[in-house]
Amino acid sequence: MYRGEENVVKNKKQVGKALGRVASGLFVVTAKCEDKEDAVLASWVNQCSFDPPAVTIALGVMRAARLLVEGSGAFIVNVLPKDDMTLLKHFSRPPEDIFKGVKTRKGLEGIRILSDAVSYLECEVVQAIQSGDHVLYVGEIVGGKTLKGGDPYTHVRDNGFNY
């Protein structure tokens, strides 16, 4: 329930450590609207429905990819592999041409699929919710496939109040 007032966290340091222990995967969310495209490293991706199949993603309000997701109403979740750090390193500090040197192919709405991902999910936005400094998008899955297979990358953070 939203109280309409700023929430003050007691024992913030301890809460931050506990929140950081919430495990998540690492993903690259790709988006395209008209002639603009972007990709963002994301960890806040979760399945939220069996029928219809759907996931949630959370993107920071200042992320350029967020505007592309809203403009096109679609995004692709690319699942990063545990045993190959190439994509993780590339999208942690991407070059100006974000897809330079990365093997891709076109998916839903012309959005890029990363060929070296474990798998991908093509999603259409069915809901968006502002949540603090992020926007939560519910994406109904309309396509997807296992590519390289293998285990996905998972991680925990030292502090739940930053990446």
N, C-alpha and C. Protein backbone atom coordinates (compact mmCIF):
# COMPACT_ATOMS: atom_id res chain seq x y z
N MET A 1 0.84 -1.18 0.00
CA MET A 1 0.00 0.00 0.00
C MET A 1 0.88 1.24 0.00
N TYR A 2 0.58 2.18 -0.86
CA TYR A 2 1.34 3.41 -0.95
C TYR A 2 0.79 4.40 0.06
N ARG A 3 1.67 4.92 0.88
CA ARG A 3 1.25 5.85 1.94
C ARG A 3 1.29 7.30 1.50
N GLY A 4 1.87 7.58 0.35
CA GLY A 4 1.90 8.96 -0.13
C GLY A 4 2.89 9.84 0.60
N GLU A 5 3.78 9.26 1.35
CA GLU A 5 4.79 10.04 2.06
C GLU A 5 6.12 9.34 1.91
N GLU A 6 7.18 10.07 2.13
CA GLU A 6 8.51 9.48 1.98
C GLU A 6 8.74 8.43 3.06
N ASN A 7 9.19 7.27 2.62
CA ASN A 7 9.47 6.18 3.53
C ASN A 7 10.88 6.35 4.09
N VAL A 8 11.01 6.30 5.39
CA VAL A 8 12.30 6.42 6.04
C VAL A 8 12.71 5.02 6.50
N VAL A 9 13.84 4.55 5.99
CA VAL A 9 14.34 3.23 6.33
C VAL A 9 15.15 3.32 7.61
N LYS A 10 14.75 2.54 8.60
CA LYS A 10 15.52 2.46 9.84
C LYS A 10 16.66 1.48 9.60
N ASN A 11 17.73 1.61 10.27
CA ASN A 11 18.95 0.79 10.14
C ASN A 11 19.29 0.52 8.67
N LYS A 12 19.46 1.61 7.92
CA LYS A 12 19.65 1.55 6.47
C LYS A 12 20.83 0.66 6.07
N LYS A 13 21.93 0.71 6.81
CA LYS A 13 23.10 -0.09 6.45
C LYS A 13 22.77 -1.58 6.51
N GLN A 14 22.09 -2.02 7.56
CA GLN A 14 21.72 -3.42 7.70
C GLN A 14 20.69 -3.83 6.64
N VAL A 15 19.75 -2.96 6.37
CA VAL A 15 18.74 -3.23 5.34
C VAL A 15 19.42 -3.34 3.98
N GLY A 16 20.39 -2.47 3.70
CA GLY A 16 21.12 -2.52 2.44
C GLY A 16 21.84 -3.84 2.24
N LYS A 17 22.47 -4.34 3.31
CA LYS A 17 23.16 -5.64 3.22
C LYS A 17 22.15 -6.77 2.97
N ALA A 18 21.04 -6.73 3.68
CA ALA A 18 20.02 -7.77 3.52
C ALA A 18 19.40 -7.72 2.12
N LEU A 19 19.11 -6.53 1.64
CA LEU A 19 18.53 -6.36 0.30
C LEU A 19 19.50 -6.81 -0.78
N GLY A 20 20.78 -6.58 -0.58
CA GLY A 20 21.79 -7.01 -1.53
C GLY A 20 21.87 -8.53 -1.68
N ARG A 21 21.39 -9.26 -0.70
CA ARG A 21 21.41 -10.72 -0.74
C ARG A 21 20.28 -11.30 -1.59
N VAL A 22 19.40 -10.46 -2.08
CA VAL A 22 18.35 -10.94 -2.98
C VAL A 22 19.00 -11.23 -4.33
N ALA A 23 19.08 -12.51 -4.66
CA ALA A 23 19.77 -12.93 -5.89
C ALA A 23 18.97 -12.53 -7.12
N SER A 24 19.69 -12.25 -8.20
CA SER A 24 19.04 -11.94 -9.48
C SER A 24 19.94 -12.42 -10.60
N GLY A 25 19.40 -12.40 -11.78
CA GLY A 25 20.19 -12.73 -12.96
C GLY A 25 20.79 -11.46 -13.53
N LEU A 26 21.52 -11.62 -14.62
CA LEU A 26 21.99 -10.48 -15.39
C LEU A 26 21.52 -10.66 -16.82
N PHE A 27 20.98 -9.58 -17.36
CA PHE A 27 20.33 -9.60 -18.66
C PHE A 27 20.73 -8.35 -19.44
N VAL A 28 20.57 -8.40 -20.74
CA VAL A 28 20.65 -7.18 -21.54
C VAL A 28 19.27 -6.99 -22.15
N VAL A 29 18.66 -5.86 -21.81
CA VAL A 29 17.36 -5.51 -22.38
C VAL A 29 17.63 -4.63 -23.59
N THR A 30 17.11 -5.05 -24.74
CA THR A 30 17.29 -4.28 -25.97
C THR A 30 15.96 -3.65 -26.36
N ALA A 31 16.06 -2.47 -26.96
CA ALA A 31 14.87 -1.72 -27.34
C ALA A 31 15.14 -0.92 -28.61
N LYS A 32 14.07 -0.63 -29.34
CA LYS A 32 14.19 0.15 -30.58
C LYS A 32 12.88 0.89 -30.80
N CYS A 33 12.98 2.12 -31.22
CA CYS A 33 11.81 2.90 -31.61
C CYS A 33 12.22 3.76 -32.79
N GLU A 34 11.53 3.57 -33.90
CA GLU A 34 11.86 4.23 -35.16
C GLU A 34 13.32 3.94 -35.50
N ASP A 35 14.17 4.96 -35.63
CA ASP A 35 15.56 4.72 -36.03
C ASP A 35 16.53 4.72 -34.86
N LYS A 36 16.03 4.80 -33.63
CA LYS A 36 16.89 4.79 -32.45
C LYS A 36 16.82 3.42 -31.77
N GLU A 37 17.99 2.95 -31.29
CA GLU A 37 18.02 1.69 -30.57
C GLU A 37 19.02 1.79 -29.43
N ASP A 38 18.82 0.94 -28.42
CA ASP A 38 19.67 0.98 -27.24
C ASP A 38 19.63 -0.40 -26.58
N ALA A 39 20.54 -0.57 -25.64
CA ALA A 39 20.60 -1.78 -24.83
C ALA A 39 21.06 -1.37 -23.45
N VAL A 40 20.57 -2.07 -22.45
CA VAL A 40 20.95 -1.75 -21.08
C VAL A 40 21.14 -3.04 -20.30
N LEU A 41 22.22 -3.08 -19.51
CA LEU A 41 22.46 -4.19 -18.60
C LEU A 41 21.43 -4.09 -17.49
N ALA A 42 20.72 -5.17 -17.23
CA ALA A 42 19.64 -5.14 -16.24
C ALA A 42 19.72 -6.36 -15.33
N SER A 43 19.40 -6.16 -14.07
CA SER A 43 19.34 -7.29 -13.15
C SER A 43 17.94 -7.49 -12.59
N TRP A 44 17.08 -6.50 -12.73
CA TRP A 44 15.74 -6.60 -12.17
C TRP A 44 14.77 -7.08 -13.23
N VAL A 45 14.85 -8.38 -13.52
CA VAL A 45 13.98 -9.05 -14.49
C VAL A 45 13.41 -10.28 -13.79
N ASN A 46 12.10 -10.45 -13.84
CA ASN A 46 11.47 -11.60 -13.19
C ASN A 46 10.24 -12.07 -13.95
N GLN A 47 10.01 -13.37 -13.94
CA GLN A 47 8.76 -13.89 -14.47
C GLN A 47 7.65 -13.47 -13.52
N CYS A 48 6.51 -13.06 -14.07
CA CYS A 48 5.42 -12.62 -13.21
C CYS A 48 4.09 -13.29 -13.54
N SER A 49 4.03 -14.12 -14.60
CA SER A 49 2.78 -14.78 -14.96
C SER A 49 3.07 -16.02 -15.79
N PHE A 50 2.26 -17.06 -15.57
CA PHE A 50 2.32 -18.26 -16.39
C PHE A 50 1.42 -18.13 -17.62
N ASP A 51 0.20 -17.59 -17.41
CA ASP A 51 -0.78 -17.55 -18.48
C ASP A 51 -1.53 -16.22 -18.45
N PRO A 52 -1.24 -15.31 -19.33
CA PRO A 52 -0.24 -15.44 -20.39
C PRO A 52 1.18 -15.31 -19.80
N PRO A 53 2.17 -15.92 -20.46
CA PRO A 53 3.54 -15.80 -19.94
C PRO A 53 3.99 -14.34 -19.99
N ALA A 54 4.58 -13.89 -18.88
CA ALA A 54 5.00 -12.48 -18.80
C ALA A 54 6.18 -12.33 -17.86
N VAL A 55 6.94 -11.25 -18.07
CA VAL A 55 8.05 -10.88 -17.20
C VAL A 55 7.90 -9.41 -16.83
N THR A 56 8.58 -9.04 -15.75
CA THR A 56 8.72 -7.63 -15.40
C THR A 56 10.17 -7.25 -15.59
N ILE A 57 10.39 -6.01 -16.01
CA ILE A 57 11.73 -5.42 -16.03
C ILE A 57 11.63 -4.08 -15.34
N ALA A 58 12.70 -3.66 -14.69
CA ALA A 58 12.74 -2.34 -14.06
C ALA A 58 13.89 -1.56 -14.70
N LEU A 59 13.56 -0.40 -15.25
CA LEU A 59 14.57 0.46 -15.87
C LEU A 59 14.60 1.81 -15.15
N GLY A 60 15.80 2.30 -14.90
CA GLY A 60 15.95 3.61 -14.27
C GLY A 60 15.28 4.70 -15.10
N VAL A 61 14.69 5.66 -14.42
CA VAL A 61 13.96 6.72 -15.13
C VAL A 61 14.86 7.53 -16.06
N MET A 62 16.15 7.55 -15.81
CA MET A 62 17.08 8.32 -16.64
C MET A 62 17.65 7.51 -17.81
N ARG A 63 17.32 6.25 -17.93
CA ARG A 63 17.84 5.40 -19.01
C ARG A 63 17.18 5.72 -20.34
N ALA A 64 18.00 5.91 -21.36
CA ALA A 64 17.48 6.19 -22.71
C ALA A 64 16.64 5.02 -23.22
N ALA A 65 17.02 3.80 -22.86
CA ALA A 65 16.26 2.63 -23.31
C ALA A 65 14.81 2.67 -22.85
N ARG A 66 14.58 3.28 -21.71
CA ARG A 66 13.22 3.38 -21.16
C ARG A 66 12.29 4.11 -22.13
N LEU A 67 12.78 5.18 -22.71
CA LEU A 67 11.96 5.96 -23.65
C LEU A 67 11.66 5.17 -24.92
N LEU A 68 12.61 4.32 -25.33
CA LEU A 68 12.40 3.49 -26.52
C LEU A 68 11.38 2.40 -26.24
N VAL A 69 11.43 1.83 -25.05
CA VAL A 69 10.44 0.82 -24.65
C VAL A 69 9.05 1.46 -24.65
N GLU A 70 8.94 2.65 -24.09
CA GLU A 70 7.64 3.31 -24.04
C GLU A 70 7.17 3.71 -25.43
N GLY A 71 8.09 4.15 -26.29
CA GLY A 71 7.71 4.58 -27.63
C GLY A 71 7.27 3.44 -28.53
N SER A 72 7.91 2.28 -28.39
CA SER A 72 7.58 1.14 -29.26
C SER A 72 6.60 0.17 -28.63
N GLY A 73 6.54 0.17 -27.30
CA GLY A 73 5.69 -0.79 -26.62
C GLY A 73 6.24 -2.20 -26.64
N ALA A 74 7.56 -2.33 -26.83
CA ALA A 74 8.17 -3.66 -26.91
C ALA A 74 9.61 -3.63 -26.40
N PHE A 75 10.10 -4.80 -26.00
CA PHE A 75 11.50 -4.96 -25.61
C PHE A 75 11.87 -6.43 -25.73
N ILE A 76 13.16 -6.69 -25.73
CA ILE A 76 13.66 -8.06 -25.72
C ILE A 76 14.59 -8.23 -24.53
N VAL A 77 14.39 -9.31 -23.79
CA VAL A 77 15.26 -9.69 -22.68
C VAL A 77 16.23 -10.73 -23.20
N ASN A 78 17.53 -10.43 -23.16
CA ASN A 78 18.59 -11.37 -23.54
C ASN A 78 19.23 -11.88 -22.26
N VAL A 79 19.22 -13.19 -22.05
CA VAL A 79 19.74 -13.81 -20.83
C VAL A 79 21.24 -14.03 -21.00
N LEU A 80 22.04 -13.45 -20.09
CA LEU A 80 23.50 -13.56 -20.18
C LEU A 80 23.99 -14.90 -19.64
N PRO A 81 25.06 -15.43 -20.27
CA PRO A 81 25.61 -16.72 -19.83
C PRO A 81 26.52 -16.58 -18.61
N LYS A 82 26.55 -17.63 -17.80
CA LYS A 82 27.42 -17.68 -16.63
C LYS A 82 28.88 -17.89 -17.01
N ASP A 83 29.13 -18.66 -18.06
CA ASP A 83 30.48 -19.09 -18.38
C ASP A 83 31.21 -18.25 -19.43
N ASP A 84 30.59 -17.17 -19.90
CA ASP A 84 31.24 -16.30 -20.90
C ASP A 84 30.94 -14.85 -20.53
N MET A 85 31.98 -14.11 -20.16
CA MET A 85 31.81 -12.74 -19.68
C MET A 85 31.84 -11.69 -20.80
N THR A 86 31.93 -12.10 -22.05
CA THR A 86 32.09 -11.16 -23.16
C THR A 86 30.95 -10.15 -23.22
N LEU A 87 29.71 -10.61 -23.20
CA LEU A 87 28.57 -9.69 -23.28
C LEU A 87 28.47 -8.83 -22.03
N LEU A 88 28.71 -9.43 -20.87
CA LEU A 88 28.67 -8.67 -19.61
C LEU A 88 29.68 -7.53 -19.65
N LYS A 89 30.90 -7.80 -20.05
CA LYS A 89 31.93 -6.77 -20.12
C LYS A 89 31.56 -5.69 -21.14
N HIS A 90 31.06 -6.11 -22.30
CA HIS A 90 30.70 -5.15 -23.35
C HIS A 90 29.62 -4.18 -22.87
N PHE A 91 28.55 -4.71 -22.28
CA PHE A 91 27.43 -3.86 -21.90
C PHE A 91 27.59 -3.19 -20.54
N SER A 92 28.64 -3.57 -19.79
CA SER A 92 28.96 -2.85 -18.55
C SER A 92 29.53 -1.47 -18.87
N ARG A 93 30.31 -1.40 -19.93
CA ARG A 93 30.90 -0.13 -20.39
C ARG A 93 30.81 -0.09 -21.90
N PRO A 94 29.60 0.10 -22.42
CA PRO A 94 29.41 0.01 -23.88
C PRO A 94 30.05 1.18 -24.63
N PRO A 95 30.50 0.90 -25.86
CA PRO A 95 31.02 1.98 -26.71
C PRO A 95 29.85 2.86 -27.18
N GLU A 96 30.19 3.96 -27.81
CA GLU A 96 29.15 4.88 -28.31
C GLU A 96 28.20 4.15 -29.26
N ASP A 97 28.74 3.35 -30.16
CA ASP A 97 27.93 2.49 -31.03
C ASP A 97 27.72 1.21 -30.23
N ILE A 98 26.63 1.14 -29.50
CA ILE A 98 26.42 0.13 -28.46
C ILE A 98 26.49 -1.31 -28.96
N PHE A 99 26.15 -1.55 -30.23
CA PHE A 99 26.16 -2.91 -30.75
C PHE A 99 27.41 -3.25 -31.55
N LYS A 100 28.37 -2.31 -31.62
CA LYS A 100 29.60 -2.55 -32.38
C LYS A 100 30.35 -3.76 -31.82
N GLY A 101 30.65 -4.71 -32.69
CA GLY A 101 31.40 -5.90 -32.31
C GLY A 101 30.57 -7.00 -31.68
N VAL A 102 29.25 -6.80 -31.59
CA VAL A 102 28.36 -7.80 -30.98
C VAL A 102 27.52 -8.44 -32.08
N LYS A 103 27.49 -9.78 -32.12
CA LYS A 103 26.68 -10.47 -33.11
C LYS A 103 25.21 -10.37 -32.72
N THR A 104 24.40 -9.87 -33.65
CA THR A 104 22.97 -9.71 -33.38
C THR A 104 22.15 -10.14 -34.59
N ARG A 105 20.87 -10.27 -34.35
CA ARG A 105 19.90 -10.43 -35.43
C ARG A 105 18.65 -9.69 -35.00
N LYS A 106 17.77 -9.44 -35.95
CA LYS A 106 16.57 -8.66 -35.66
C LYS A 106 15.45 -9.57 -35.15
N GLY A 107 14.73 -9.06 -34.16
CA GLY A 107 13.59 -9.77 -33.60
C GLY A 107 12.34 -8.91 -33.72
N LEU A 108 11.45 -9.05 -32.77
CA LEU A 108 10.19 -8.31 -32.68
C LEU A 108 10.42 -6.82 -32.90
N GLU A 109 9.66 -6.21 -33.80
CA GLU A 109 9.73 -4.77 -34.06
C GLU A 109 11.13 -4.32 -34.49
N GLY A 110 11.95 -5.24 -34.99
CA GLY A 110 13.31 -4.90 -35.42
C GLY A 110 14.29 -4.73 -34.27
N ILE A 111 13.88 -5.11 -33.06
CA ILE A 111 14.74 -5.01 -31.88
C ILE A 111 15.81 -6.10 -31.96
N ARG A 112 17.01 -5.76 -31.53
CA ARG A 112 18.13 -6.70 -31.65
C ARG A 112 18.08 -7.82 -30.61
N ILE A 113 18.42 -9.00 -31.10
CA ILE A 113 18.62 -10.19 -30.28
C ILE A 113 20.12 -10.43 -30.26
N LEU A 114 20.70 -10.67 -29.09
CA LEU A 114 22.13 -10.94 -28.96
C LEU A 114 22.37 -12.42 -29.25
N SER A 115 23.07 -12.70 -30.33
CA SER A 115 23.28 -14.08 -30.79
C SER A 115 24.01 -14.96 -29.79
N ASP A 116 24.83 -14.38 -28.92
CA ASP A 116 25.60 -15.16 -27.95
C ASP A 116 24.95 -15.23 -26.57
N ALA A 117 23.68 -14.84 -26.49
CA ALA A 117 22.94 -14.95 -25.22
C ALA A 117 22.53 -16.40 -25.01
N VAL A 118 22.25 -16.75 -23.77
CA VAL A 118 21.74 -18.08 -23.43
C VAL A 118 20.39 -18.28 -24.12
N SER A 119 19.54 -17.27 -24.02
CA SER A 119 18.21 -17.30 -24.61
C SER A 119 17.69 -15.86 -24.69
N TYR A 120 16.52 -15.72 -25.31
CA TYR A 120 15.91 -14.39 -25.37
C TYR A 120 14.40 -14.52 -25.28
N LEU A 121 13.75 -13.44 -24.84
CA LEU A 121 12.31 -13.34 -24.75
C LEU A 121 11.86 -12.05 -25.42
N GLU A 122 10.95 -12.16 -26.37
CA GLU A 122 10.38 -10.99 -27.05
C GLU A 122 9.10 -10.61 -26.31
N CYS A 123 9.00 -9.35 -25.92
CA CYS A 123 7.91 -8.92 -25.05
C CYS A 123 7.20 -7.68 -25.58
N GLU A 124 5.88 -7.67 -25.39
CA GLU A 124 5.06 -6.49 -25.65
C GLU A 124 4.62 -5.92 -24.32
N VAL A 125 4.78 -4.62 -24.15
CA VAL A 125 4.44 -3.96 -22.89
C VAL A 125 2.92 -3.95 -22.71
N VAL A 126 2.47 -4.44 -21.55
CA VAL A 126 1.05 -4.41 -21.23
C VAL A 126 0.74 -3.51 -20.04
N GLN A 127 1.80 -3.12 -19.31
CA GLN A 127 1.60 -2.24 -18.17
C GLN A 127 2.92 -1.59 -17.79
N ALA A 128 2.85 -0.36 -17.30
CA ALA A 128 4.02 0.35 -16.78
C ALA A 128 3.63 1.00 -15.46
N ILE A 129 4.53 0.89 -14.47
CA ILE A 129 4.26 1.41 -13.14
C ILE A 129 5.49 2.16 -12.65
N GLN A 130 5.34 3.41 -12.27
CA GLN A 130 6.44 4.17 -11.67
C GLN A 130 6.69 3.64 -10.28
N SER A 131 7.95 3.33 -9.97
CA SER A 131 8.31 2.85 -8.65
C SER A 131 9.60 3.53 -8.22
N GLY A 132 9.47 4.63 -7.52
CA GLY A 132 10.66 5.37 -7.07
C GLY A 132 11.48 5.85 -8.25
N ASP A 133 12.77 5.48 -8.27
CA ASP A 133 13.67 5.95 -9.33
C ASP A 133 13.71 5.01 -10.54
N HIS A 134 12.79 4.06 -10.60
CA HIS A 134 12.69 3.13 -11.72
C HIS A 134 11.24 3.07 -12.24
N VAL A 135 11.10 2.56 -13.45
CA VAL A 135 9.79 2.25 -14.00
C VAL A 135 9.74 0.74 -14.21
N LEU A 136 8.68 0.13 -13.71
CA LEU A 136 8.49 -1.30 -13.84
C LEU A 136 7.58 -1.55 -15.03
N TYR A 137 8.06 -2.37 -15.98
CA TYR A 137 7.27 -2.71 -17.16
C TYR A 137 6.88 -4.18 -17.08
N VAL A 138 5.62 -4.46 -17.34
CA VAL A 138 5.15 -5.83 -17.49
C VAL A 138 5.12 -6.11 -18.98
N GLY A 139 5.86 -7.14 -19.38
CA GLY A 139 5.93 -7.50 -20.79
C GLY A 139 5.35 -8.88 -21.03
N GLU A 140 4.30 -8.95 -21.84
CA GLU A 140 3.74 -10.24 -22.22
C GLU A 140 4.67 -10.86 -23.25
N ILE A 141 5.07 -12.10 -23.03
CA ILE A 141 6.03 -12.78 -23.90
C ILE A 141 5.30 -13.27 -25.15
N VAL A 142 5.76 -12.79 -26.32
CA VAL A 142 5.14 -13.17 -27.59
C VAL A 142 6.07 -14.04 -28.44
N GLY A 143 7.31 -14.22 -27.99
CA GLY A 143 8.27 -15.05 -28.71
C GLY A 143 9.50 -15.24 -27.86
N GLY A 144 10.36 -16.14 -28.29
CA GLY A 144 11.60 -16.40 -27.57
C GLY A 144 12.19 -17.71 -28.00
N LYS A 145 13.42 -17.93 -27.57
CA LYS A 145 14.11 -19.14 -27.99
C LYS A 145 15.38 -19.30 -27.16
N THR A 146 15.78 -20.55 -26.95
CA THR A 146 17.09 -20.83 -26.37
C THR A 146 18.10 -20.73 -27.50
N LEU A 147 19.18 -20.01 -27.28
CA LEU A 147 20.23 -19.84 -28.29
C LEU A 147 21.42 -20.72 -27.95
N LYS A 148 22.36 -20.20 -27.17
CA LYS A 148 23.55 -20.97 -26.79
C LYS A 148 23.25 -21.99 -25.70
N GLY A 149 22.18 -21.75 -24.95
CA GLY A 149 21.87 -22.63 -23.84
C GLY A 149 22.88 -22.44 -22.72
N GLY A 150 22.94 -23.38 -21.82
CA GLY A 150 23.84 -23.27 -20.68
C GLY A 150 23.17 -22.57 -19.51
N ASP A 151 23.95 -22.35 -18.47
CA ASP A 151 23.43 -21.73 -17.26
C ASP A 151 23.45 -20.21 -17.37
N PRO A 152 22.41 -19.55 -16.86
CA PRO A 152 22.40 -18.09 -16.85
C PRO A 152 23.28 -17.54 -15.73
N TYR A 153 23.73 -16.32 -15.91
CA TYR A 153 24.54 -15.62 -14.91
C TYR A 153 23.61 -15.19 -13.77
N THR A 154 24.00 -15.47 -12.54
CA THR A 154 23.27 -14.97 -11.38
C THR A 154 24.25 -14.27 -10.45
N HIS A 155 23.72 -13.34 -9.67
CA HIS A 155 24.61 -12.62 -8.75
C HIS A 155 23.83 -12.05 -7.57
N VAL A 156 24.59 -11.69 -6.54
CA VAL A 156 24.08 -10.93 -5.41
C VAL A 156 24.97 -9.70 -5.26
N ARG A 157 24.45 -8.70 -4.60
CA ARG A 157 25.20 -7.44 -4.42
C ARG A 157 25.60 -7.30 -2.95
N ASP A 158 26.64 -6.51 -2.74
CA ASP A 158 27.06 -6.22 -1.37
C ASP A 158 26.09 -5.28 -0.68
N ASN A 159 25.46 -4.42 -1.48
CA ASN A 159 24.58 -3.39 -0.94
C ASN A 159 23.36 -3.26 -1.84
N GLY A 160 22.19 -3.42 -1.30
CA GLY A 160 20.96 -3.34 -2.07
C GLY A 160 20.53 -1.94 -2.46
N PHE A 161 21.31 -0.92 -2.11
CA PHE A 161 20.94 0.44 -2.45
C PHE A 161 21.69 1.00 -3.67
N ASN A 162 22.48 0.16 -4.33
CA ASN A 162 23.12 0.56 -5.57
C ASN A 162 23.48 -0.67 -6.37
N TYR A 163 23.82 -0.45 -7.64
CA TYR A 163 24.17 -1.56 -8.50
C TYR A 163 25.54 -2.11 -8.13
